[in-house]
Amino acid sequence: MLLELLPKELSPETIIHIGGVALLLTVVFFETGIFFGFFLPGDSLLFTAGIMCDGPYLSLPPTELIPLLIIAATLGTAAGFFFGRWTGDFFSHRKENLFYRKKYVDLTQEYFQKYGMMAFVFGRFIPIVRTFLPILAGIARIDAKKFWIYNLLGATLWVVTVVTAGYWLGRRFEHLKDNIGLIALIMIFISMLPLAISVLKKQMITRQEKAK
C-alpha cells in the first residue's frame, strides 16, 4: 500500500530503467536548482543509482558515475543561481500553484540565514531546500566565486555520500535490489525529516507567541 504513494513514473527505479544514465543526470540537474523540479526524487534516486550502478541499466561503475552526477548537481544548482540573478525578486509577487508554495521559500530563507554559505553543503541533503536555495542566493546576489566553491563542495559531498552508501549496501546485502521501491520510500522519509522538524518547530513557536 505504501508503495502506491510514490508515482510509478517518478520512482527512482523507473527513471533509471527508462532512461539510464542520461535521464538520471537530467533529473538530478532539474531537482537541484530548477524551481519546478522540487517534486523529483533526489536522495532516493542517488541511493538507487548506487545500488544499480555497474549493472544492466547503469553500466558505469561508481568511479565513473559519481563524477558525472557531481557535474549534473553542480550545474543544476548553478542554473538556479543564475536564474535568481536574472529574474531578481522572482517569488515576491508570484501566486502559489502546483510547483510553488511560499512556505518553501520562507523555510529556505530561514535555513540560509542560519547557516550562511554552509547551507549549500548541509542543504544538499534536504529536499526543497536544495532546489530553492540557489535561486534565493542568486536573488540576494551573493559573491559568485564563493557560490561556486560551496556549490561544488556541497554537490561532491552529497553525491559521494549517498551513491557510495547505496553501492556499498547493495553489494553487502543483495536482497536490497529486490526492494528498491521500499528503500526509495524510506530514503524520502529520512530526507524529509529535517524539513518536517523545522516546520513543527516553527508552528510551535507561532502558537507560543499567540498564547502570550
Foldseek 3Di string as FASTA:
>chain_A
DVLVVDPPCQALVNQLQVPNLVSLLVLLLCQQAPQQSLVHAHLLNLLVCLLCDCHDSHVHHCVVSLVSNLVSNLNSLVVNQVLLQVCAPVPPPDDDDPRDDVVLVVVLVVLCVVPPLCCLQVVSLAGSNSHNNSSVCNNVVDDPVSNSVSNSVNSNVSNCVSSNVSNVVCVVDVCCNVVSSVVSVVSVVVNHVVVVVVVVVVVVVVVVVVVD
